PDB file of N, CA and C in Angstrom:
ATOM      1  N   UNK A   1      28.732 -18.808 -26.394  1.00  0.00           N
ATOM      2  CA  UNK A   1      27.454 -19.480 -26.233  1.00  0.00           C
ATOM      3  C   UNK A   1      26.911 -19.312 -24.809  1.00  0.00           C
ATOM      4  N   UNK A   2      27.784 -19.292 -23.804  1.00  0.00           N
ATOM      5  CA  UNK A   2      27.340 -19.176 -22.421  1.00  0.00           C
ATOM      6  C   UNK A   2      26.859 -17.766 -22.085  1.00  0.00           C
ATOM      7  N   UNK A   3      27.440 -16.758 -22.713  1.00  0.00           N
ATOM      8  CA  UNK A   3      27.095 -15.372 -22.379  1.00  0.00           C
ATOM      9  C   UNK A   3      25.616 -15.057 -22.607  1.00  0.00           C
ATOM     10  N   UNK A   4      24.997 -15.396 -23.731  1.00  0.00           N
ATOM     11  CA  UNK A   4      23.566 -15.111 -23.907  1.00  0.00           C
ATOM     12  C   UNK A   4      22.687 -15.833 -22.890  1.00  0.00           C
ATOM     13  N   UNK A   5      23.075 -17.031 -22.503  1.00  0.00           N
ATOM     14  CA  UNK A   5      22.292 -17.777 -21.517  1.00  0.00           C
ATOM     15  C   UNK A   5      22.368 -17.090 -20.158  1.00  0.00           C
ATOM     16  N   UNK A   6      23.556 -16.673 -19.769  1.00  0.00           N
ATOM     17  CA  UNK A   6      23.736 -15.976 -18.491  1.00  0.00           C
ATOM     18  C   UNK A   6      23.011 -14.639 -18.518  1.00  0.00           C
ATOM     19  N   UNK A   7      23.108 -13.929 -19.602  1.00  0.00           N
ATOM     20  CA  UNK A   7      22.441 -12.639 -19.750  1.00  0.00           C
ATOM     21  C   UNK A   7      20.920 -12.805 -19.654  1.00  0.00           C
ATOM     22  N   UNK A   8      20.381 -13.799 -20.325  1.00  0.00           N
ATOM     23  CA  UNK A   8      18.950 -14.071 -20.262  1.00  0.00           C
ATOM     24  C   UNK A   8      18.527 -14.401 -18.834  1.00  0.00           C
ATOM     25  N   UNK A   9      19.322 -15.197 -18.138  1.00  0.00           N
ATOM     26  CA  UNK A   9      19.024 -15.584 -16.763  1.00  0.00           C
ATOM     27  C   UNK A   9      18.992 -14.363 -15.845  1.00  0.00           C
ATOM     28  N   UNK A  10      19.952 -13.472 -15.977  1.00  0.00           N
ATOM     29  CA  UNK A  10      20.017 -12.272 -15.142  1.00  0.00           C
ATOM     30  C   UNK A  10      18.836 -11.356 -15.421  1.00  0.00           C
ATOM     31  N   UNK A  11      18.516 -11.164 -16.684  1.00  0.00           N
ATOM     32  CA  UNK A  11      17.369 -10.318 -17.037  1.00  0.00           C
ATOM     33  C   UNK A  11      16.078 -10.930 -16.500  1.00  0.00           C
ATOM     34  N   UNK A  12      15.934 -12.228 -16.597  1.00  0.00           N
ATOM     35  CA  UNK A  12      14.746 -12.909 -16.079  1.00  0.00           C
ATOM     36  C   UNK A  12      14.613 -12.714 -14.571  1.00  0.00           C
ATOM     37  N   UNK A  13      15.720 -12.807 -13.850  1.00  0.00           N
ATOM     38  CA  UNK A  13      15.691 -12.593 -12.401  1.00  0.00           C
ATOM     39  C   UNK A  13      15.277 -11.168 -12.054  1.00  0.00           C
ATOM     40  N   UNK A  14      15.802 -10.202 -12.785  1.00  0.00           N
ATOM     41  CA  UNK A  14      15.455  -8.803 -12.520  1.00  0.00           C
ATOM     42  C   UNK A  14      13.977  -8.538 -12.773  1.00  0.00           C
ATOM     43  N   UNK A  15      13.451  -9.034 -13.867  1.00  0.00           N
ATOM     44  CA  UNK A  15      12.034  -8.840 -14.190  1.00  0.00           C
ATOM     45  C   UNK A  15      11.154  -9.524 -13.152  1.00  0.00           C
ATOM     46  N   UNK A  16      11.499 -10.729 -12.789  1.00  0.00           N
ATOM     47  CA  UNK A  16      10.720 -11.479 -11.802  1.00  0.00           C
ATOM     48  C   UNK A  16      10.726 -10.774 -10.445  1.00  0.00           C
ATOM     49  N   UNK A  17      11.877 -10.297 -10.010  1.00  0.00           N
ATOM     50  CA  UNK A  17      11.936  -9.626  -8.708  1.00  0.00           C
ATOM     51  C   UNK A  17      11.162  -8.311  -8.732  1.00  0.00           C
ATOM     52  N   UNK A  18      11.182  -7.598  -9.839  1.00  0.00           N
ATOM     53  CA  UNK A  18      10.419  -6.351  -9.953  1.00  0.00           C
ATOM     54  C   UNK A  18       8.924  -6.625  -9.870  1.00  0.00           C
ATOM     55  N   UNK A  19       8.466  -7.638 -10.556  1.00  0.00           N
ATOM     56  CA  UNK A  19       7.046  -7.991 -10.506  1.00  0.00           C
ATOM     57  C   UNK A  19       6.642  -8.446  -9.115  1.00  0.00           C
ATOM     58  N   UNK A  20       7.500  -9.197  -8.475  1.00  0.00           N
ATOM     59  CA  UNK A  20       7.209  -9.667  -7.126  1.00  0.00           C
ATOM     60  C   UNK A  20       7.094  -8.499  -6.150  1.00  0.00           C
ATOM     61  N   UNK A  21       7.948  -7.491  -6.301  1.00  0.00           N
ATOM     62  CA  UNK A  21       7.883  -6.314  -5.437  1.00  0.00           C
ATOM     63  C   UNK A  21       6.568  -5.572  -5.635  1.00  0.00           C
ATOM     64  N   UNK A  22       6.113  -5.443  -6.868  1.00  0.00           N
ATOM     65  CA  UNK A  22       4.839  -4.775  -7.141  1.00  0.00           C
ATOM     66  C   UNK A  22       3.669  -5.538  -6.539  1.00  0.00           C
ATOM     67  N   UNK A  23       3.696  -6.846  -6.676  1.00  0.00           N
ATOM     68  CA  UNK A  23       2.609  -7.666  -6.154  1.00  0.00           C
ATOM     69  C   UNK A  23       2.554  -7.593  -4.635  1.00  0.00           C
ATOM     70  N   UNK A  24       3.685  -7.702  -3.967  1.00  0.00           N
ATOM     71  CA  UNK A  24       3.690  -7.667  -2.510  1.00  0.00           C
ATOM     72  C   UNK A  24       3.352  -6.286  -1.979  1.00  0.00           C
ATOM     73  N   UNK A  25       3.708  -5.228  -2.695  1.00  0.00           N
ATOM     74  CA  UNK A  25       3.351  -3.880  -2.245  1.00  0.00           C
ATOM     75  C   UNK A  25       1.842  -3.701  -2.251  1.00  0.00           C
ATOM     76  N   UNK A  26       1.187  -4.142  -3.318  1.00  0.00           N
ATOM     77  CA  UNK A  26      -0.260  -4.023  -3.393  1.00  0.00           C
ATOM     78  C   UNK A  26      -0.945  -4.876  -2.339  1.00  0.00           C
ATOM     79  N   UNK A  27      -0.470  -6.099  -2.162  1.00  0.00           N
ATOM     80  CA  UNK A  27      -1.122  -6.978  -1.208  1.00  0.00           C
ATOM     81  C   UNK A  27      -0.896  -6.502   0.222  1.00  0.00           C
ATOM     82  N   UNK A  28       0.240  -5.887   0.524  1.00  0.00           N
ATOM     83  CA  UNK A  28       0.459  -5.405   1.883  1.00  0.00           C
ATOM     84  C   UNK A  28      -0.479  -4.252   2.199  1.00  0.00           C
ATOM     85  N   UNK A  29      -0.725  -3.368   1.220  1.00  0.00           N
ATOM     86  CA  UNK A  29      -1.703  -2.296   1.438  1.00  0.00           C
ATOM     87  C   UNK A  29      -3.084  -2.891   1.655  1.00  0.00           C
ATOM     88  N   UNK A  30      -3.450  -3.836   0.813  1.00  0.00           N
ATOM     89  CA  UNK A  30      -4.771  -4.454   0.941  1.00  0.00           C
ATOM     90  C   UNK A  30      -4.960  -5.126   2.287  1.00  0.00           C
ATOM     91  N   UNK A  31      -3.939  -5.838   2.741  1.00  0.00           N
ATOM     92  CA  UNK A  31      -4.030  -6.524   4.027  1.00  0.00           C
ATOM     93  C   UNK A  31      -4.109  -5.546   5.187  1.00  0.00           C
ATOM     94  N   UNK A  32      -3.281  -4.515   5.139  1.00  0.00           N
ATOM     95  CA  UNK A  32      -3.301  -3.516   6.216  1.00  0.00           C
ATOM     96  C   UNK A  32      -4.622  -2.753   6.223  1.00  0.00           C
ATOM     97  N   UNK A  33      -5.126  -2.434   5.044  1.00  0.00           N
ATOM     98  CA  UNK A  33      -6.392  -1.701   4.963  1.00  0.00           C
ATOM     99  C   UNK A  33      -7.578  -2.572   5.376  1.00  0.00           C
ATOM    100  N   UNK A  34      -7.494  -3.876   5.114  1.00  0.00           N
ATOM    101  CA  UNK A  34      -8.561  -4.770   5.577  1.00  0.00           C
ATOM    102  C   UNK A  34      -8.660  -4.735   7.094  1.00  0.00           C
ATOM    103  N   UNK A  35      -7.503  -4.720   7.761  1.00  0.00           N
ATOM    104  CA  UNK A  35      -7.493  -4.638   9.223  1.00  0.00           C
ATOM    105  C   UNK A  35      -7.999  -3.268   9.664  1.00  0.00           C
ATOM    106  N   UNK A  36      -7.474  -2.206   9.043  1.00  0.00           N
ATOM    107  CA  UNK A  36      -7.840  -0.841   9.424  1.00  0.00           C
ATOM    108  C   UNK A  36      -9.344  -0.605   9.292  1.00  0.00           C
ATOM    109  N   UNK A  37      -9.952  -1.166   8.264  1.00  0.00           N
ATOM    110  CA  UNK A  37     -11.365  -0.900   7.971  1.00  0.00           C
ATOM    111  C   UNK A  37     -12.302  -1.992   8.464  1.00  0.00           C
ATOM    112  N   UNK A  38     -11.805  -2.949   9.225  1.00  0.00           N
ATOM    113  CA  UNK A  38     -12.618  -4.096   9.624  1.00  0.00           C
ATOM    114  C   UNK A  38     -13.848  -3.717  10.449  1.00  0.00           C
ATOM    115  N   UNK A  39     -13.789  -2.616  11.177  1.00  0.00           N
ATOM    116  CA  UNK A  39     -14.931  -2.214  12.004  1.00  0.00           C
ATOM    117  C   UNK A  39     -15.647  -0.980  11.456  1.00  0.00           C
ATOM    118  N   UNK A  40     -15.304  -0.558  10.259  1.00  0.00           N
ATOM    119  CA  UNK A  40     -15.906   0.645   9.682  1.00  0.00           C
ATOM    120  C   UNK A  40     -17.358   0.392   9.290  1.00  0.00           C
ATOM    121  N   UNK A  41     -18.183   1.404   9.452  1.00  0.00           N
ATOM    122  CA  UNK A  41     -19.581   1.301   9.052  1.00  0.00           C
ATOM    123  C   UNK A  41     -19.738   1.247   7.544  1.00  0.00           C
ATOM    124  N   UNK A  42     -18.877   1.950   6.820  1.00  0.00           N
ATOM    125  CA  UNK A  42     -18.907   1.968   5.355  1.00  0.00           C
ATOM    126  C   UNK A  42     -17.582   1.395   4.859  1.00  0.00           C
ATOM    127  N   UNK A  43     -17.468   0.068   4.886  1.00  0.00           N
ATOM    128  CA  UNK A  43     -16.201  -0.580   4.556  1.00  0.00           C
ATOM    129  C   UNK A  43     -15.733  -0.274   3.141  1.00  0.00           C
ATOM    130  N   UNK A  44     -16.651  -0.200   2.180  1.00  0.00           N
ATOM    131  CA  UNK A  44     -16.237   0.055   0.799  1.00  0.00           C
ATOM    132  C   UNK A  44     -15.538   1.401   0.674  1.00  0.00           C
ATOM    133  N   UNK A  45     -16.087   2.415   1.302  1.00  0.00           N
ATOM    134  CA  UNK A  45     -15.484   3.748   1.267  1.00  0.00           C
ATOM    135  C   UNK A  45     -14.169   3.774   2.045  1.00  0.00           C
ATOM    136  N   UNK A  46     -14.163   3.138   3.207  1.00  0.00           N
ATOM    137  CA  UNK A  46     -12.953   3.078   4.029  1.00  0.00           C
ATOM    138  C   UNK A  46     -11.823   2.411   3.260  1.00  0.00           C
ATOM    139  N   UNK A  47     -12.103   1.273   2.635  1.00  0.00           N
ATOM    140  CA  UNK A  47     -11.070   0.551   1.885  1.00  0.00           C
ATOM    141  C   UNK A  47     -10.567   1.371   0.699  1.00  0.00           C
ATOM    142  N   UNK A  48     -11.465   2.063   0.017  1.00  0.00           N
ATOM    143  CA  UNK A  48     -11.070   2.880  -1.135  1.00  0.00           C
ATOM    144  C   UNK A  48     -10.049   3.934  -0.714  1.00  0.00           C
ATOM    145  N   UNK A  49     -10.390   4.705   0.312  1.00  0.00           N
ATOM    146  CA  UNK A  49      -9.500   5.787   0.727  1.00  0.00           C
ATOM    147  C   UNK A  49      -8.259   5.277   1.447  1.00  0.00           C
ATOM    148  N   UNK A  50      -8.392   4.216   2.195  1.00  0.00           N
ATOM    149  CA  UNK A  50      -7.225   3.638   2.855  1.00  0.00           C
ATOM    150  C   UNK A  50      -6.203   3.173   1.818  1.00  0.00           C
ATOM    151  N   UNK A  51      -6.664   2.509   0.771  1.00  0.00           N
ATOM    152  CA  UNK A  51      -5.745   2.041  -0.267  1.00  0.00           C
ATOM    153  C   UNK A  51      -5.097   3.198  -1.018  1.00  0.00           C
ATOM    154  N   UNK A  52      -5.842   4.265  -1.273  1.00  0.00           N
ATOM    155  CA  UNK A  52      -5.266   5.454  -1.919  1.00  0.00           C
ATOM    156  C   UNK A  52      -4.150   6.020  -1.043  1.00  0.00           C
ATOM    157  N   UNK A  53      -4.436   6.158   0.244  1.00  0.00           N
ATOM    158  CA  UNK A  53      -3.455   6.713   1.176  1.00  0.00           C
ATOM    159  C   UNK A  53      -2.248   5.793   1.330  1.00  0.00           C
ATOM    160  N   UNK A  54      -2.488   4.500   1.409  1.00  0.00           N
ATOM    161  CA  UNK A  54      -1.389   3.545   1.574  1.00  0.00           C
ATOM    162  C   UNK A  54      -0.471   3.550   0.362  1.00  0.00           C
ATOM    163  N   UNK A  55      -1.050   3.599  -0.833  1.00  0.00           N
ATOM    164  CA  UNK A  55      -0.221   3.618  -2.039  1.00  0.00           C
ATOM    165  C   UNK A  55       0.671   4.851  -2.079  1.00  0.00           C
ATOM    166  N   UNK A  56       0.141   5.976  -1.632  1.00  0.00           N
ATOM    167  CA  UNK A  56       0.929   7.204  -1.657  1.00  0.00           C
ATOM    168  C   UNK A  56       1.940   7.257  -0.511  1.00  0.00           C
ATOM    169  N   UNK A  57       1.521   6.846   0.670  1.00  0.00           N
ATOM    170  CA  UNK A  57       2.358   6.984   1.866  1.00  0.00           C
ATOM    171  C   UNK A  57       3.190   5.746   2.195  1.00  0.00           C
ATOM    172  N   UNK A  58       2.828   4.599   1.638  1.00  0.00           N
ATOM    173  CA  UNK A  58       3.518   3.334   1.919  1.00  0.00           C
ATOM    174  C   UNK A  58       3.422   2.927   3.388  1.00  0.00           C
ATOM    175  N   UNK A  59       2.363   3.346   4.063  1.00  0.00           N
ATOM    176  CA  UNK A  59       2.133   2.898   5.432  1.00  0.00           C
ATOM    177  C   UNK A  59       0.665   3.075   5.793  1.00  0.00           C
ATOM    178  N   UNK A  60       0.226   2.308   6.771  1.00  0.00           N
ATOM    179  CA  UNK A  60      -1.121   2.395   7.322  1.00  0.00           C
ATOM    180  C   UNK A  60      -0.970   2.264   8.834  1.00  0.00           C
ATOM    181  N   UNK A  61      -1.588   3.151   9.607  1.00  0.00           N
ATOM    182  CA  UNK A  61      -1.485   3.038  11.065  1.00  0.00           C
ATOM    183  C   UNK A  61      -2.068   1.721  11.563  1.00  0.00           C
ATOM    184  N   UNK A  62      -1.559   1.229  12.667  1.00  0.00           N
ATOM    185  CA  UNK A  62      -2.043  -0.029  13.222  1.00  0.00           C
ATOM    186  C   UNK A  62      -3.423   0.156  13.839  1.00  0.00           C
ATOM    187  N   UNK A  63      -4.115  -0.936  13.988  1.00  0.00           N
ATOM    188  CA  UNK A  63      -5.425  -0.919  14.624  1.00  0.00           C
ATOM    189  C   UNK A  63      -6.529  -0.450  13.700  1.00  0.00           C
ATOM    190  N   UNK A  64      -7.722  -0.343  14.267  1.00  0.00           N
ATOM    191  CA  UNK A  64      -8.888   0.035  13.478  1.00  0.00           C
ATOM    192  C   UNK A  64      -9.217   1.523  13.599  1.00  0.00           C
ATOM    193  N   UNK A  65      -8.580   2.220  14.532  1.00  0.00           N
ATOM    194  CA  UNK A  65      -8.877   3.633  14.740  1.00  0.00           C
ATOM    195  C   UNK A  65      -7.695   4.297  15.437  1.00  0.00           C
ATOM    196  N   UNK A  66      -7.459   5.567  15.125  1.00  0.00           N
ATOM    197  CA  UNK A  66      -6.390   6.302  15.801  1.00  0.00           C
ATOM    198  C   UNK A  66      -5.007   5.886  15.335  1.00  0.00           C
ATOM    199  N   UNK A  67      -4.018   6.110  16.162  1.00  0.00           N
ATOM    200  CA  UNK A  67      -2.607   5.760  15.906  1.00  0.00           C
ATOM    201  C   UNK A  67      -2.044   6.424  14.651  1.00  0.00           C
ATOM    202  N   UNK A  68      -2.643   7.520  14.194  1.00  0.00           N
ATOM    203  CA  UNK A  68      -2.173   8.162  12.965  1.00  0.00           C
ATOM    204  C   UNK A  68      -0.793   8.788  13.122  1.00  0.00           C
ATOM    205  N   UNK A  69      -0.328   8.957  14.365  1.00  0.00           N
ATOM    206  CA  UNK A  69       1.022   9.481  14.574  1.00  0.00           C
ATOM    207  C   UNK A  69       2.089   8.502  14.076  1.00  0.00           C
ATOM    208  N   UNK A  70       1.721   7.236  13.859  1.00  0.00           N
ATOM    209  CA  UNK A  70       2.654   6.242  13.328  1.00  0.00           C
ATOM    210  C   UNK A  70       3.006   6.521  11.861  1.00  0.00           C
ATOM    211  N   UNK A  71       2.161   7.271  11.175  1.00  0.00           N
ATOM    212  CA  UNK A  71       2.357   7.527   9.748  1.00  0.00           C
ATOM    213  C   UNK A  71       1.961   8.976   9.435  1.00  0.00           C
ATOM    214  N   UNK A  72       2.904   9.919   9.564  1.00  0.00           N
ATOM    215  CA  UNK A  72       2.580  11.339   9.358  1.00  0.00           C
ATOM    216  C   UNK A  72       1.990  11.655   7.979  1.00  0.00           C
ATOM    217  N   UNK A  73       2.476  11.021   6.933  1.00  0.00           N
ATOM    218  CA  UNK A  73       1.935  11.254   5.595  1.00  0.00           C
ATOM    219  C   UNK A  73       0.455  10.890   5.565  1.00  0.00           C
ATOM    220  N   UNK A  74       0.116   9.748   6.116  1.00  0.00           N
ATOM    221  CA  UNK A  74      -1.263   9.261   6.175  1.00  0.00           C
ATOM    222  C   UNK A  74      -2.114  10.241   6.989  1.00  0.00           C
ATOM    223  N   UNK A  75      -1.564  10.688   8.102  1.00  0.00           N
ATOM    224  CA  UNK A  75      -2.271  11.609   8.995  1.00  0.00           C
ATOM    225  C   UNK A  75      -2.537  12.955   8.331  1.00  0.00           C
ATOM    226  N   UNK A  76      -1.567  13.448   7.561  1.00  0.00           N
ATOM    227  CA  UNK A  76      -1.640  14.812   7.036  1.00  0.00           C
ATOM    228  C   UNK A  76      -2.354  14.949   5.698  1.00  0.00           C
ATOM    229  N   UNK A  77      -2.727  13.848   5.048  1.00  0.00           N
ATOM    230  CA  UNK A  77      -3.446  13.953   3.773  1.00  0.00           C
ATOM    231  C   UNK A  77      -4.846  14.509   4.031  1.00  0.00           C
ATOM    232  N   UNK A  78      -5.244  15.496   3.228  1.00  0.00           N
ATOM    233  CA  UNK A  78      -6.547  16.140   3.392  1.00  0.00           C
ATOM    234  C   UNK A  78      -7.373  16.009   2.117  1.00  0.00           C
ATOM    235  N   UNK A  79      -8.679  16.000   2.278  1.00  0.00           N
ATOM    236  CA  UNK A  79      -9.588  15.999   1.135  1.00  0.00           C
ATOM    237  C   UNK A  79      -9.668  17.420   0.578  1.00  0.00           C
ATOM    238  N   UNK A  80     -10.393  17.583  -0.508  1.00  0.00           N
ATOM    239  CA  UNK A  80     -10.548  18.920  -1.096  1.00  0.00           C
ATOM    240  C   UNK A  80     -11.299  19.866  -0.156  1.00  0.00           C
ATOM    241  N   UNK A  81     -12.028  19.310   0.802  1.00  0.00           N
ATOM    242  CA  UNK A  81     -12.775  20.114   1.776  1.00  0.00           C
ATOM    243  C   UNK A  81     -11.956  20.433   3.025  1.00  0.00           C
ATOM    244  N   UNK A  82     -10.708  19.913   3.085  1.00  0.00           N
ATOM    245  CA  UNK A  82      -9.843  20.177   4.222  1.00  0.00           C
ATOM    246  C   UNK A  82     -10.004  19.197   5.376  1.00  0.00           C
ATOM    247  N   UNK A  83     -10.820  18.186   5.184  1.00  0.00           N
ATOM    248  CA  UNK A  83     -10.990  17.175   6.221  1.00  0.00           C
ATOM    249  C   UNK A  83      -9.996  16.041   6.010  1.00  0.00           C
ATOM    250  N   UNK A  84      -9.723  15.239   7.034  1.00  0.00           N
ATOM    251  CA  UNK A  84      -8.790  14.125   6.851  1.00  0.00           C
ATOM    252  C   UNK A  84      -9.242  13.179   5.736  1.00  0.00           C
ATOM    253  N   UNK A  85      -8.341  12.835   4.838  1.00  0.00           N
ATOM    254  CA  UNK A  85      -8.692  11.947   3.730  1.00  0.00           C
ATOM    255  C   UNK A  85      -8.605  10.486   4.117  1.00  0.00           C
ATOM    256  N   UNK A  86      -7.656  10.155   4.972  1.00  0.00           N
ATOM    257  CA  UNK A  86      -7.365   8.757   5.279  1.00  0.00           C
ATOM    258  C   UNK A  86      -8.112   8.303   6.530  1.00  0.00           C
ATOM    259  N   UNK A  87      -8.721   7.112   6.454  1.00  0.00           N
ATOM    260  CA  UNK A  87      -9.489   6.621   7.609  1.00  0.00           C
ATOM    261  C   UNK A  87      -8.599   6.137   8.757  1.00  0.00           C
TER     262      UNK A  87
END
């Protein structure tokens, strides 16, 4: 009788922790991109591309401009035209 209860508890913990990791990953990108794009002239576009880059690279450079050496993946992503993709 105890085994199914323990098994259910363990499975519940695993599912909950997985969901929590997904939620915090998305919110950390959003928070970092809000800071990165806070002074951008076109915030909607900046946030769109920053979030795309953050999801792929799992990092966003600090500050509102520059510092791309902190995140090489973010720095090296290019658009189809060969220009930097990430703000």
